[in-house]
Amino acid sequence: MMDPIVNAVPSRMKPRKAADVIPFLETYISKKEQEIAEMEQMVDRYEKRRMMEERAYQSMSTLRRLLSGKKPDLHLAVEYIHYVKKPMEKVRALRLEVENARAILRNSGSSDTIAVTNELADEMN
């Protein structure tokens, strides 16, 4: 006779020892915050460079502007997506990860085990 198929849905949270998780979460949060700061600095550098290029172009004489040309709007849009939009989306995702990690730390209290998401458990290994 055949055994019935049991659909066991794996839990998103795995229990771990608090002594292992808390130091990991603290370093994890600091690394992610550093990553966020680096990405924001990269975006700031790009925006400053674009402003300087635009100022330099505007300060040129009419004849020089005609000869030098300006980047097409499509190129500027692609640069913006690459240097600003995509990194800022990643920053938002990293901030969510940091908030989740902080929520785990806040909710842990003084218990011996802490429920950790599968993603964090994978990074701990």
PDB file of N, CA and C in Angstrom:
ATOM      1  N   MET A   1       0.834  -1.168   0.000  1.00  0.00           N
ATOM      2  CA  MET A   1       0.000   0.000   0.000  1.00  0.00           C
ATOM      3  C   MET A   1       0.882   1.236   0.000  1.00  0.00           C
ATOM      4  N   MET A   2       0.404   2.299  -0.586  1.00  0.00           N
ATOM      5  CA  MET A   2       1.200   3.518  -0.713  1.00  0.00           C
ATOM      6  C   MET A   2       0.965   4.432   0.483  1.00  0.00           C
ATOM      7  N   ASP A   3       2.032   5.045   0.919  1.00  0.00           N
ATOM      8  CA  ASP A   3       1.927   6.010   2.008  1.00  0.00           C
ATOM      9  C   ASP A   3       1.425   7.336   1.451  1.00  0.00           C
ATOM     10  N   PRO A   4       0.635   8.054   2.236  1.00  0.00           N
ATOM     11  CA  PRO A   4       0.166   9.350   1.754  1.00  0.00           C
ATOM     12  C   PRO A   4       1.321  10.343   1.685  1.00  0.00           C
ATOM     13  N   ILE A   5       1.221  11.247   0.737  1.00  0.00           N
ATOM     14  CA  ILE A   5       2.250  12.277   0.573  1.00  0.00           C
ATOM     15  C   ILE A   5       1.975  13.381   1.584  1.00  0.00           C
ATOM     16  N   VAL A   6       2.989  13.700   2.337  1.00  0.00           N
ATOM     17  CA  VAL A   6       2.854  14.748   3.339  1.00  0.00           C
ATOM     18  C   VAL A   6       3.577  15.981   2.828  1.00  0.00           C
ATOM     19  N   ASN A   7       2.852  17.056   2.708  1.00  0.00           N
ATOM     20  CA  ASN A   7       3.451  18.321   2.287  1.00  0.00           C
ATOM     21  C   ASN A   7       3.880  19.084   3.520  1.00  0.00           C
ATOM     22  N   ALA A   8       5.133  18.974   3.842  1.00  0.00           N
ATOM     23  CA  ALA A   8       5.669  19.702   4.988  1.00  0.00           C
ATOM     24  C   ALA A   8       6.269  21.002   4.479  1.00  0.00           C
ATOM     25  N   VAL A   9       5.671  22.086   4.831  1.00  0.00           N
ATOM     26  CA  VAL A   9       6.174  23.390   4.427  1.00  0.00           C
ATOM     27  C   VAL A   9       7.307  23.759   5.374  1.00  0.00           C
ATOM     28  N   PRO A  10       8.497  23.991   4.828  1.00  0.00           N
ATOM     29  CA  PRO A  10       9.608  24.353   5.708  1.00  0.00           C
ATOM     30  C   PRO A  10       9.375  25.715   6.345  1.00  0.00           C
ATOM     31  N   SER A  11       9.721  25.803   7.591  1.00  0.00           N
ATOM     32  CA  SER A  11       9.531  27.052   8.326  1.00  0.00           C
ATOM     33  C   SER A  11      10.545  28.085   7.863  1.00  0.00           C
ATOM     34  N   ARG A  12      10.123  29.352   7.833  1.00  0.00           N
ATOM     35  CA  ARG A  12      11.041  30.424   7.453  1.00  0.00           C
ATOM     36  C   ARG A  12      12.019  30.728   8.578  1.00  0.00           C
ATOM     37  N   MET A  13      11.669  30.375   9.785  1.00  0.00           N
ATOM     38  CA  MET A  13      12.501  30.699  10.932  1.00  0.00           C
ATOM     39  C   MET A  13      13.126  29.434  11.495  1.00  0.00           C
ATOM     40  N   LYS A  14      14.410  29.546  11.816  1.00  0.00           N
ATOM     41  CA  LYS A  14      15.121  28.430  12.418  1.00  0.00           C
ATOM     42  C   LYS A  14      15.605  28.853  13.802  1.00  0.00           C
ATOM     43  N   PRO A  15      15.397  28.005  14.808  1.00  0.00           N
ATOM     44  CA  PRO A  15      15.894  28.366  16.142  1.00  0.00           C
ATOM     45  C   PRO A  15      17.415  28.179  16.218  1.00  0.00           C
ATOM     46  N   ARG A  16      18.073  29.149  16.807  1.00  0.00           N
ATOM     47  CA  ARG A  16      19.533  29.102  17.013  1.00  0.00           C
ATOM     48  C   ARG A  16      19.844  29.549  18.429  1.00  0.00           C
ATOM     49  N   LYS A  17      21.021  29.195  18.896  1.00  0.00           N
ATOM     50  CA  LYS A  17      21.448  29.626  20.229  1.00  0.00           C
ATOM     51  C   LYS A  17      21.726  31.122  20.220  1.00  0.00           C
ATOM     52  N   ALA A  18      21.259  31.797  21.260  1.00  0.00           N
ATOM     53  CA  ALA A  18      21.418  33.249  21.352  1.00  0.00           C
ATOM     54  C   ALA A  18      22.888  33.647  21.412  1.00  0.00           C
ATOM     55  N   ALA A  19      23.714  32.832  22.039  1.00  0.00           N
ATOM     56  CA  ALA A  19      25.138  33.147  22.160  1.00  0.00           C
ATOM     57  C   ALA A  19      25.820  33.184  20.794  1.00  0.00           C
ATOM     58  N   ASP A  20      25.315  32.415  19.841  1.00  0.00           N
ATOM     59  CA  ASP A  20      25.881  32.426  18.493  1.00  0.00           C
ATOM     60  C   ASP A  20      25.304  33.552  17.647  1.00  0.00           C
ATOM     61  N   VAL A  21      24.033  33.824  17.846  1.00  0.00           N
ATOM     62  CA  VAL A  21      23.325  34.739  16.959  1.00  0.00           C
ATOM     63  C   VAL A  21      23.610  36.209  17.274  1.00  0.00           C
ATOM     64  N   ILE A  22      23.613  36.588  18.525  1.00  0.00           N
ATOM     65  CA  ILE A  22      23.726  38.011  18.884  1.00  0.00           C
ATOM     66  C   ILE A  22      25.019  38.647  18.370  1.00  0.00           C
ATOM     67  N   PRO A  23      26.200  38.042  18.593  1.00  0.00           N
ATOM     68  CA  PRO A  23      27.414  38.670  18.035  1.00  0.00           C
ATOM     69  C   PRO A  23      27.396  38.719  16.501  1.00  0.00           C
ATOM     70  N   PHE A  24      26.847  37.650  15.897  1.00  0.00           N
ATOM     71  CA  PHE A  24      26.760  37.646  14.436  1.00  0.00           C
ATOM     72  C   PHE A  24      25.871  38.779  13.944  1.00  0.00           C
ATOM     73  N   LEU A  25      24.716  38.959  14.575  1.00  0.00           N
ATOM     74  CA  LEU A  25      23.791  40.008  14.146  1.00  0.00           C
ATOM     75  C   LEU A  25      24.407  41.400  14.289  1.00  0.00           C
ATOM     76  N   GLU A  26      25.166  41.608  15.360  1.00  0.00           N
ATOM     77  CA  GLU A  26      25.795  42.914  15.545  1.00  0.00           C
ATOM     78  C   GLU A  26      26.805  43.207  14.438  1.00  0.00           C
ATOM     79  N   THR A  27      27.623  42.224  14.084  1.00  0.00           N
ATOM     80  CA  THR A  27      28.586  42.435  12.999  1.00  0.00           C
ATOM     81  C   THR A  27      27.876  42.528  11.648  1.00  0.00           C
ATOM     82  N   TYR A  28      26.825  41.741  11.481  1.00  0.00           N
ATOM     83  CA  TYR A  28      26.033  41.765  10.251  1.00  0.00           C
ATOM     84  C   TYR A  28      25.433  43.148  10.032  1.00  0.00           C
ATOM     85  N   ILE A  29      24.857  43.718  11.082  1.00  0.00           N
ATOM     86  CA  ILE A  29      24.258  45.046  10.990  1.00  0.00           C
ATOM     87  C   ILE A  29      25.319  46.096  10.660  1.00  0.00           C
ATOM     88  N   SER A  30      26.461  46.028  11.316  1.00  0.00           N
ATOM     89  CA  SER A  30      27.503  47.025  11.048  1.00  0.00           C
ATOM     90  C   SER A  30      28.038  46.900   9.614  1.00  0.00           C
ATOM     91  N   LYS A  31      28.187  45.668   9.104  1.00  0.00           N
ATOM     92  CA  LYS A  31      28.646  45.490   7.722  1.00  0.00           C
ATOM     93  C   LYS A  31      27.635  46.039   6.730  1.00  0.00           C
ATOM     94  N   LYS A  32      26.367  45.776   6.960  1.00  0.00           N
ATOM     95  CA  LYS A  32      25.327  46.254   6.044  1.00  0.00           C
ATOM     96  C   LYS A  32      25.238  47.775   6.084  1.00  0.00           C
ATOM     97  N   GLU A  33      25.377  48.383   7.267  1.00  0.00           N
ATOM     98  CA  GLU A  33      25.350  49.841   7.365  1.00  0.00           C
ATOM     99  C   GLU A  33      26.542  50.460   6.648  1.00  0.00           C
ATOM    100  N   GLN A  34      27.690  49.799   6.728  1.00  0.00           N
ATOM    101  CA  GLN A  34      28.867  50.285   6.015  1.00  0.00           C
ATOM    102  C   GLN A  34      28.646  50.193   4.503  1.00  0.00           C
ATOM    103  N   GLU A  35      28.039  49.102   4.047  1.00  0.00           N
ATOM    104  CA  GLU A  35      27.713  48.949   2.632  1.00  0.00           C
ATOM    105  C   GLU A  35      26.774  50.058   2.167  1.00  0.00           C
ATOM    106  N   ILE A  36      25.774  50.369   2.992  1.00  0.00           N
ATOM    107  CA  ILE A  36      24.822  51.431   2.673  1.00  0.00           C
ATOM    108  C   ILE A  36      25.548  52.761   2.540  1.00  0.00           C
ATOM    109  N   ALA A  37      26.433  53.057   3.484  1.00  0.00           N
ATOM    110  CA  ALA A  37      27.180  54.320   3.451  1.00  0.00           C
ATOM    111  C   ALA A  37      28.045  54.416   2.195  1.00  0.00           C
ATOM    112  N   GLU A  38      28.693  53.310   1.813  1.00  0.00           N
ATOM    113  CA  GLU A  38      29.528  53.320   0.613  1.00  0.00           C
ATOM    114  C   GLU A  38      28.701  53.582  -0.639  1.00  0.00           C
ATOM    115  N   MET A  39      27.531  52.965  -0.726  1.00  0.00           N
ATOM    116  CA  MET A  39      26.672  53.171  -1.896  1.00  0.00           C
ATOM    117  C   MET A  39      26.166  54.604  -1.961  1.00  0.00           C
ATOM    118  N   GLU A  40      25.810  55.161  -0.804  1.00  0.00           N
ATOM    119  CA  GLU A  40      25.340  56.546  -0.791  1.00  0.00           C
ATOM    120  C   GLU A  40      26.463  57.506  -1.175  1.00  0.00           C
ATOM    121  N   GLN A  41      27.698  57.205  -0.763  1.00  0.00           N
ATOM    122  CA  GLN A  41      28.828  58.034  -1.162  1.00  0.00           C
ATOM    123  C   GLN A  41      29.055  57.953  -2.671  1.00  0.00           C
ATOM    124  N   MET A  42      28.891  56.754  -3.242  1.00  0.00           N
ATOM    125  CA  MET A  42      29.057  56.587  -4.679  1.00  0.00           C
ATOM    126  C   MET A  42      28.027  57.423  -5.432  1.00  0.00           C
ATOM    127  N   VAL A  43      26.787  57.413  -4.966  1.00  0.00           N
ATOM    128  CA  VAL A  43      25.730  58.200  -5.596  1.00  0.00           C
ATOM    129  C   VAL A  43      26.042  59.695  -5.478  1.00  0.00           C
ATOM    130  N   ASP A  44      26.492  60.122  -4.304  1.00  0.00           N
ATOM    131  CA  ASP A  44      26.840  61.537  -4.109  1.00  0.00           C
ATOM    132  C   ASP A  44      27.972  61.962  -5.047  1.00  0.00           C
ATOM    133  N   ARG A  45      28.999  61.114  -5.165  1.00  0.00           N
ATOM    134  CA  ARG A  45      30.104  61.441  -6.077  1.00  0.00           C
ATOM    135  C   ARG A  45      29.613  61.580  -7.510  1.00  0.00           C
ATOM    136  N   TYR A  46      28.732  60.689  -7.940  1.00  0.00           N
ATOM    137  CA  TYR A  46      28.200  60.771  -9.302  1.00  0.00           C
ATOM    138  C   TYR A  46      27.422  62.069  -9.487  1.00  0.00           C
ATOM    139  N   GLU A  47      26.561  62.398  -8.528  1.00  0.00           N
ATOM    140  CA  GLU A  47      25.755  63.610  -8.665  1.00  0.00           C
ATOM    141  C   GLU A  47      26.625  64.862  -8.684  1.00  0.00           C
ATOM    142  N   LYS A  48      27.672  64.906  -7.863  1.00  0.00           N
ATOM    143  CA  LYS A  48      28.589  66.049  -7.876  1.00  0.00           C
ATOM    144  C   LYS A  48      29.302  66.164  -9.219  1.00  0.00           C
ATOM    145  N   ARG A  49      29.737  65.020  -9.748  1.00  0.00           N
ATOM    146  CA  ARG A  49      30.430  65.015 -11.034  1.00  0.00           C
ATOM    147  C   ARG A  49      29.501  65.507 -12.141  1.00  0.00           C
ATOM    148  N   ARG A  50      28.245  65.064 -12.138  1.00  0.00           N
ATOM    149  CA  ARG A  50      27.270  65.500 -13.137  1.00  0.00           C
ATOM    150  C   ARG A  50      27.032  67.004 -13.039  1.00  0.00           C
ATOM    151  N   MET A  51      26.936  67.511 -11.815  1.00  0.00           N
ATOM    152  CA  MET A  51      26.725  68.953 -11.642  1.00  0.00           C
ATOM    153  C   MET A  51      27.918  69.740 -12.171  1.00  0.00           C
ATOM    154  N   MET A  52      29.128  69.255 -11.901  1.00  0.00           N
ATOM    155  CA  MET A  52      30.326  69.936 -12.390  1.00  0.00           C
ATOM    156  C   MET A  52      30.369  69.911 -13.917  1.00  0.00           C
ATOM    157  N   GLU A  53      30.017  68.778 -14.520  1.00  0.00           N
ATOM    158  CA  GLU A  53      29.993  68.699 -15.979  1.00  0.00           C
ATOM    159  C   GLU A  53      28.980  69.667 -16.558  1.00  0.00           C
ATOM    160  N   GLU A  54      27.807  69.729 -15.938  1.00  0.00           N
ATOM    161  CA  GLU A  54      26.756  70.626 -16.427  1.00  0.00           C
ATOM    162  C   GLU A  54      27.181  72.086 -16.296  1.00  0.00           C
ATOM    163  N   ARG A  55      27.804  72.440 -15.161  1.00  0.00           N
ATOM    164  CA  ARG A  55      28.289  73.819 -14.972  1.00  0.00           C
ATOM    165  C   ARG A  55      29.357  74.160 -16.005  1.00  0.00           C
ATOM    166  N   ALA A  56      30.264  73.218 -16.255  1.00  0.00           N
ATOM    167  CA  ALA A  56      31.318  73.464 -17.235  1.00  0.00           C
ATOM    168  C   ALA A  56      30.715  73.658 -18.627  1.00  0.00           C
ATOM    169  N   TYR A  57      29.733  72.859 -18.964  1.00  0.00           N
ATOM    170  CA  TYR A  57      29.091  72.992 -20.272  1.00  0.00           C
ATOM    171  C   TYR A  57      28.372  74.329 -20.395  1.00  0.00           C
ATOM    172  N   GLN A  58      27.667  74.745 -19.333  1.00  0.00           N
ATOM    173  CA  GLN A  58      26.936  76.010 -19.380  1.00  0.00           C
ATOM    174  C   GLN A  58      27.865  77.218 -19.437  1.00  0.00           C
ATOM    175  N   SER A  59      29.064  77.081 -18.883  1.00  0.00           N
ATOM    176  CA  SER A  59      29.987  78.218 -18.874  1.00  0.00           C
ATOM    177  C   SER A  59      30.752  78.369 -20.195  1.00  0.00           C
ATOM    178  N   MET A  60      30.634  77.395 -21.080  1.00  0.00           N
ATOM    179  CA  MET A  60      31.318  77.477 -22.378  1.00  0.00           C
ATOM    180  C   MET A  60      30.655  78.535 -23.257  1.00  0.00           C
ATOM    181  N   SER A  61      31.445  79.035 -24.172  1.00  0.00           N
ATOM    182  CA  SER A  61      30.875  79.968 -25.147  1.00  0.00           C
ATOM    183  C   SER A  61      29.969  79.187 -26.096  1.00  0.00           C
ATOM    184  N   THR A  62      29.124  79.910 -26.806  1.00  0.00           N
ATOM    185  CA  THR A  62      28.167  79.285 -27.707  1.00  0.00           C
ATOM    186  C   THR A  62      28.875  78.458 -28.779  1.00  0.00           C
ATOM    187  N   LEU A  63      29.945  78.984 -29.306  1.00  0.00           N
ATOM    188  CA  LEU A  63      30.686  78.277 -30.347  1.00  0.00           C
ATOM    189  C   LEU A  63      31.281  76.978 -29.806  1.00  0.00           C
ATOM    190  N   ARG A  64      31.856  77.063 -28.625  1.00  0.00           N
ATOM    191  CA  ARG A  64      32.438  75.845 -28.026  1.00  0.00           C
ATOM    192  C   ARG A  64      31.359  74.808 -27.728  1.00  0.00           C
ATOM    193  N   ARG A  65      30.216  75.263 -27.276  1.00  0.00           N
ATOM    194  CA  ARG A  65      29.116  74.324 -27.019  1.00  0.00           C
ATOM    195  C   ARG A  65      28.715  73.605 -28.297  1.00  0.00           C
ATOM    196  N   LEU A  66      28.656  74.364 -29.382  1.00  0.00           N
ATOM    197  CA  LEU A  66      28.310  73.766 -30.669  1.00  0.00           C
ATOM    198  C   LEU A  66      29.327  72.700 -31.064  1.00  0.00           C
ATOM    199  N   LEU A  67      30.590  72.993 -30.863  1.00  0.00           N
ATOM    200  CA  LEU A  67      31.650  72.069 -31.276  1.00  0.00           C
ATOM    201  C   LEU A  67      31.790  70.873 -30.326  1.00  0.00           C
ATOM    202  N   SER A  68      31.627  71.109 -29.051  1.00  0.00           N
ATOM    203  CA  SER A  68      31.859  70.020 -28.098  1.00  0.00           C
ATOM    204  C   SER A  68      30.682  69.067 -28.006  1.00  0.00           C
ATOM    205  N   GLY A  69      29.499  69.578 -28.119  1.00  0.00           N
ATOM    206  CA  GLY A  69      28.318  68.729 -28.013  1.00  0.00           C
ATOM    207  C   GLY A  69      28.038  68.354 -26.568  1.00  0.00           C
ATOM    208  N   LYS A  70      26.882  67.807 -26.367  1.00  0.00           N
ATOM    209  CA  LYS A  70      26.453  67.407 -25.039  1.00  0.00           C
ATOM    210  C   LYS A  70      26.031  65.954 -25.123  1.00  0.00           C
ATOM    211  N   LYS A  71      26.143  65.243 -24.004  1.00  0.00           N
ATOM    212  CA  LYS A  71      25.725  63.853 -23.998  1.00  0.00           C
ATOM    213  C   LYS A  71      24.233  63.778 -24.320  1.00  0.00           C
ATOM    214  N   PRO A  72      23.848  62.842 -25.155  1.00  0.00           N
ATOM    215  CA  PRO A  72      22.410  62.685 -25.431  1.00  0.00           C
ATOM    216  C   PRO A  72      21.646  62.332 -24.157  1.00  0.00           C
ATOM    217  N   ASP A  73      20.379  62.716 -24.113  1.00  0.00           N
ATOM    218  CA  ASP A  73      19.554  62.460 -22.939  1.00  0.00           C
ATOM    219  C   ASP A  73      19.462  60.973 -22.607  1.00  0.00           C
ATOM    220  N   LEU A  74      19.471  60.141 -23.644  1.00  0.00           N
ATOM    221  CA  LEU A  74      19.413  58.699 -23.408  1.00  0.00           C
ATOM    222  C   LEU A  74      20.625  58.234 -22.607  1.00  0.00           C
ATOM    223  N   HIS A  75      21.800  58.749 -22.939  1.00  0.00           N
ATOM    224  CA  HIS A  75      23.013  58.382 -22.206  1.00  0.00           C
ATOM    225  C   HIS A  75      22.918  58.843 -20.756  1.00  0.00           C
ATOM    226  N   LEU A  76      22.403  60.042 -20.560  1.00  0.00           N
ATOM    227  CA  LEU A  76      22.247  60.560 -19.196  1.00  0.00           C
ATOM    228  C   LEU A  76      21.259  59.708 -18.407  1.00  0.00           C
ATOM    229  N   ALA A  77      20.190  59.271 -19.069  1.00  0.00           N
ATOM    230  CA  ALA A  77      19.197  58.436 -18.393  1.00  0.00           C
ATOM    231  C   ALA A  77      19.793  57.092 -18.002  1.00  0.00           C
ATOM    232  N   VAL A  78      20.555  56.505 -18.895  1.00  0.00           N
ATOM    233  CA  VAL A  78      21.185  55.210 -18.594  1.00  0.00           C
ATOM    234  C   VAL A  78      22.195  55.366 -17.455  1.00  0.00           C
ATOM    235  N   GLU A  79      22.982  56.441 -17.495  1.00  0.00           N
ATOM    236  CA  GLU A  79      23.927  56.700 -16.401  1.00  0.00           C
ATOM    237  C   GLU A  79      23.183  56.862 -15.076  1.00  0.00           C
ATOM    238  N   TYR A  80      22.087  57.589 -15.103  1.00  0.00           N
ATOM    239  CA  TYR A  80      21.311  57.808 -13.885  1.00  0.00           C
ATOM    240  C   TYR A  80      20.807  56.480 -13.328  1.00  0.00           C
ATOM    241  N   ILE A  81      20.288  55.634 -14.187  1.00  0.00           N
ATOM    242  CA  ILE A  81      19.795  54.326 -13.737  1.00  0.00           C
ATOM    243  C   ILE A  81      20.932  53.514 -13.141  1.00  0.00           C
ATOM    244  N   HIS A  82      22.075  53.523 -13.817  1.00  0.00           N
ATOM    245  CA  HIS A  82      23.212  52.714 -13.362  1.00  0.00           C
ATOM    246  C   HIS A  82      23.840  53.246 -12.076  1.00  0.00           C
ATOM    247  N   TYR A  83      24.022  54.559 -11.991  1.00  0.00           N
ATOM    248  CA  TYR A  83      24.747  55.134 -10.857  1.00  0.00           C
ATOM    249  C   TYR A  83      23.871  55.596  -9.701  1.00  0.00           C
ATOM    250  N   VAL A  84      22.556  55.784  -9.933  1.00  0.00           N
ATOM    251  CA  VAL A  84      21.704  56.305  -8.865  1.00  0.00           C
ATOM    252  C   VAL A  84      20.556  55.349  -8.539  1.00  0.00           C
ATOM    253  N   LYS A  85      19.743  55.040  -9.532  1.00  0.00           N
ATOM    254  CA  LYS A  85      18.512  54.303  -9.253  1.00  0.00           C
ATOM    255  C   LYS A  85      18.776  52.897  -8.726  1.00  0.00           C
ATOM    256  N   LYS A  86      19.604  52.120  -9.411  1.00  0.00           N
ATOM    257  CA  LYS A  86      19.881  50.744  -8.977  1.00  0.00           C
ATOM    258  C   LYS A  86      20.559  50.708  -7.602  1.00  0.00           C
ATOM    259  N   PRO A  87      21.594  51.526  -7.362  1.00  0.00           N
ATOM    260  CA  PRO A  87      22.188  51.505  -6.018  1.00  0.00           C
ATOM    261  C   PRO A  87      21.212  51.913  -4.915  1.00  0.00           C
ATOM    262  N   MET A  88      20.326  52.871  -5.196  1.00  0.00           N
ATOM    263  CA  MET A  88      19.379  53.290  -4.162  1.00  0.00           C
ATOM    264  C   MET A  88      18.334  52.201  -3.892  1.00  0.00           C
ATOM    265  N   GLU A  89      17.984  51.421  -4.912  1.00  0.00           N
ATOM    266  CA  GLU A  89      17.095  50.277  -4.685  1.00  0.00           C
ATOM    267  C   GLU A  89      17.782  49.249  -3.791  1.00  0.00           C
ATOM    268  N   LYS A  90      19.074  49.044  -4.047  1.00  0.00           N
ATOM    269  CA  LYS A  90      19.828  48.106  -3.214  1.00  0.00           C
ATOM    270  C   LYS A  90      19.943  48.631  -1.780  1.00  0.00           C
ATOM    271  N   VAL A  91      20.107  49.952  -1.631  1.00  0.00           N
ATOM    272  CA  VAL A  91      20.176  50.558  -0.296  1.00  0.00           C
ATOM    273  C   VAL A  91      18.872  50.318   0.458  1.00  0.00           C
ATOM    274  N   ARG A  92      17.748  50.470  -0.224  1.00  0.00           N
ATOM    275  CA  ARG A  92      16.454  50.207   0.427  1.00  0.00           C
ATOM    276  C   ARG A  92      16.357  48.755   0.886  1.00  0.00           C
ATOM    277  N   ALA A  93      16.799  47.828   0.029  1.00  0.00           N
ATOM    278  CA  ALA A  93      16.760  46.405   0.395  1.00  0.00           C
ATOM    279  C   ALA A  93      17.677  46.125   1.584  1.00  0.00           C
ATOM    280  N   LEU A  94      18.860  46.736   1.601  1.00  0.00           N
ATOM    281  CA  LEU A  94      19.789  46.549   2.716  1.00  0.00           C
ATOM    282  C   LEU A  94      19.211  47.122   4.005  1.00  0.00           C
ATOM    283  N   ARG A  95      18.539  48.269   3.902  1.00  0.00           N
ATOM    284  CA  ARG A  95      17.924  48.855   5.103  1.00  0.00           C
ATOM    285  C   ARG A  95      16.840  47.940   5.668  1.00  0.00           C
ATOM    286  N   LEU A  96      16.081  47.274   4.787  1.00  0.00           N
ATOM    287  CA  LEU A  96      15.084  46.310   5.254  1.00  0.00           C
ATOM    288  C   LEU A  96      15.745  45.137   5.977  1.00  0.00           C
ATOM    289  N   GLU A  97      16.863  44.656   5.422  1.00  0.00           N
ATOM    290  CA  GLU A  97      17.593  43.566   6.074  1.00  0.00           C
ATOM    291  C   GLU A  97      18.083  43.988   7.450  1.00  0.00           C
ATOM    292  N   VAL A  98      18.602  45.202   7.535  1.00  0.00           N
ATOM    293  CA  VAL A  98      19.098  45.710   8.820  1.00  0.00           C
ATOM    294  C   VAL A  98      17.953  45.825   9.815  1.00  0.00           C
ATOM    295  N   GLU A  99      16.806  46.323   9.369  1.00  0.00           N
ATOM    296  CA  GLU A  99      15.646  46.434  10.260  1.00  0.00           C
ATOM    297  C   GLU A  99      15.187  45.066  10.741  1.00  0.00           C
ATOM    298  N   ASN A 100      15.194  44.078   9.841  1.00  0.00           N
ATOM    299  CA  ASN A 100      14.822  42.725  10.249  1.00  0.00           C
ATOM    300  C   ASN A 100      15.787  42.184  11.295  1.00  0.00           C
ATOM    301  N   ALA A 101      17.074  42.426  11.095  1.00  0.00           N
ATOM    302  CA  ALA A 101      18.075  41.957  12.052  1.00  0.00           C
ATOM    303  C   ALA A 101      17.898  42.658  13.398  1.00  0.00           C
ATOM    304  N   ARG A 102      17.619  43.959  13.361  1.00  0.00           N
ATOM    305  CA  ARG A 102      17.391  44.686  14.621  1.00  0.00           C
ATOM    306  C   ARG A 102      16.134  44.197  15.323  1.00  0.00           C
ATOM    307  N   ALA A 103      15.104  43.864  14.547  1.00  0.00           N
ATOM    308  CA  ALA A 103      13.865  43.336  15.138  1.00  0.00           C
ATOM    309  C   ALA A 103      14.133  42.002  15.825  1.00  0.00           C
ATOM    310  N   ILE A 104      14.957  41.180  15.221  1.00  0.00           N
ATOM    311  CA  ILE A 104      15.320  39.900  15.843  1.00  0.00           C
ATOM    312  C   ILE A 104      16.048  40.152  17.150  1.00  0.00           C
ATOM    313  N   LEU A 105      16.970  41.125  17.142  1.00  0.00           N
ATOM    314  CA  LEU A 105      17.695  41.452  18.377  1.00  0.00           C
ATOM    315  C   LEU A 105      16.750  41.978  19.458  1.00  0.00           C
ATOM    316  N   ARG A 106      15.826  42.856  19.076  1.00  0.00           N
ATOM    317  CA  ARG A 106      14.884  43.415  20.054  1.00  0.00           C
ATOM    318  C   ARG A 106      13.968  42.342  20.627  1.00  0.00           C
ATOM    319  N   ASN A 107      13.491  41.451  19.782  1.00  0.00           N
ATOM    320  CA  ASN A 107      12.527  40.444  20.213  1.00  0.00           C
ATOM    321  C   ASN A 107      13.172  39.268  20.929  1.00  0.00           C
ATOM    322  N   SER A 108      14.487  39.181  20.872  1.00  0.00           N
ATOM    323  CA  SER A 108      15.164  38.027  21.468  1.00  0.00           C
ATOM    324  C   SER A 108      15.056  38.034  22.991  1.00  0.00           C
ATOM    325  N   GLY A 109      15.101  39.222  23.582  1.00  0.00           N
ATOM    326  CA  GLY A 109      15.002  39.305  25.039  1.00  0.00           C
ATOM    327  C   GLY A 109      16.136  38.536  25.706  1.00  0.00           C
ATOM    328  N   SER A 110      15.786  37.722  26.687  1.00  0.00           N
ATOM    329  CA  SER A 110      16.810  36.959  27.403  1.00  0.00           C
ATOM    330  C   SER A 110      16.638  35.462  27.183  1.00  0.00           C
ATOM    331  N   SER A 111      16.004  35.077  26.091  1.00  0.00           N
ATOM    332  CA  SER A 111      15.792  33.654  25.834  1.00  0.00           C
ATOM    333  C   SER A 111      17.088  32.985  25.373  1.00  0.00           C
ATOM    334  N   ASP A 112      17.119  31.658  25.505  1.00  0.00           N
ATOM    335  CA  ASP A 112      18.307  30.909  25.109  1.00  0.00           C
ATOM    336  C   ASP A 112      18.368  30.660  23.606  1.00  0.00           C
ATOM    337  N   THR A 113      17.216  30.666  22.951  1.00  0.00           N
ATOM    338  CA  THR A 113      17.189  30.463  21.509  1.00  0.00           C
ATOM    339  C   THR A 113      16.529  31.657  20.835  1.00  0.00           C
ATOM    340  N   ILE A 114      16.974  31.902  19.617  1.00  0.00           N
ATOM    341  CA  ILE A 114      16.451  33.003  18.820  1.00  0.00           C
ATOM    342  C   ILE A 114      16.041  32.434  17.474  1.00  0.00           C
ATOM    343  N   ALA A 115      14.863  32.828  16.992  1.00  0.00           N
ATOM    344  CA  ALA A 115      14.412  32.400  15.679  1.00  0.00           C
ATOM    345  C   ALA A 115      15.064  33.298  14.629  1.00  0.00           C
ATOM    346  N   VAL A 116      15.768  32.668  13.693  1.00  0.00           N
ATOM    347  CA  VAL A 116      16.514  33.378  12.663  1.00  0.00           C
ATOM    348  C   VAL A 116      15.969  32.962  11.302  1.00  0.00           C
ATOM    349  N   THR A 117      15.874  33.913  10.366  1.00  0.00           N
ATOM    350  CA  THR A 117      15.399  33.584   9.026  1.00  0.00           C
ATOM    351  C   THR A 117      16.410  32.689   8.316  1.00  0.00           C
ATOM    352  N   ASN A 118      15.938  32.003   7.294  1.00  0.00           N
ATOM    353  CA  ASN A 118      16.814  31.106   6.540  1.00  0.00           C
ATOM    354  C   ASN A 118      17.988  31.841   5.908  1.00  0.00           C
ATOM    355  N   GLU A 119      17.755  33.068   5.428  1.00  0.00           N
ATOM    356  CA  GLU A 119      18.835  33.841   4.796  1.00  0.00           C
ATOM    357  C   GLU A 119      19.950  34.135   5.809  1.00  0.00           C
ATOM    358  N   LEU A 120      19.554  34.550   7.011  1.00  0.00           N
ATOM    359  CA  LEU A 120      20.551  34.840   8.046  1.00  0.00           C
ATOM    360  C   LEU A 120      21.247  33.567   8.473  1.00  0.00           C
ATOM    361  N   ALA A 121      20.501  32.469   8.578  1.00  0.00           N
ATOM    362  CA  ALA A 121      21.101  31.198   8.968  1.00  0.00           C
ATOM    363  C   ALA A 121      22.132  30.753   7.945  1.00  0.00           C
ATOM    364  N   ASP A 122      21.833  30.974   6.662  1.00  0.00           N
ATOM    365  CA  ASP A 122      22.805  30.627   5.609  1.00  0.00           C
ATOM    366  C   ASP A 122      24.064  31.472   5.721  1.00  0.00           C
ATOM    367  N   GLU A 123      23.908  32.758   6.026  1.00  0.00           N
ATOM    368  CA  GLU A 123      25.076  33.636   6.156  1.00  0.00           C
ATOM    369  C   GLU A 123      25.899  33.301   7.390  1.00  0.00           C
ATOM    370  N   MET A 124      25.254  32.744   8.413  1.00  0.00           N
ATOM    371  CA  MET A 124      25.986  32.382   9.633  1.00  0.00           C
ATOM    372  C   MET A 124      26.892  31.181   9.374  1.00  0.00           C
ATOM    373  N   ASN A 125      26.507  30.347   8.453  1.00  0.00           N
ATOM    374  CA  ASN A 125      27.297  29.134   8.175  1.00  0.00           C
ATOM    375  C   ASN A 125      28.449  29.380   7.285  1.00  0.00           C
TER     376      ASN A 125
END
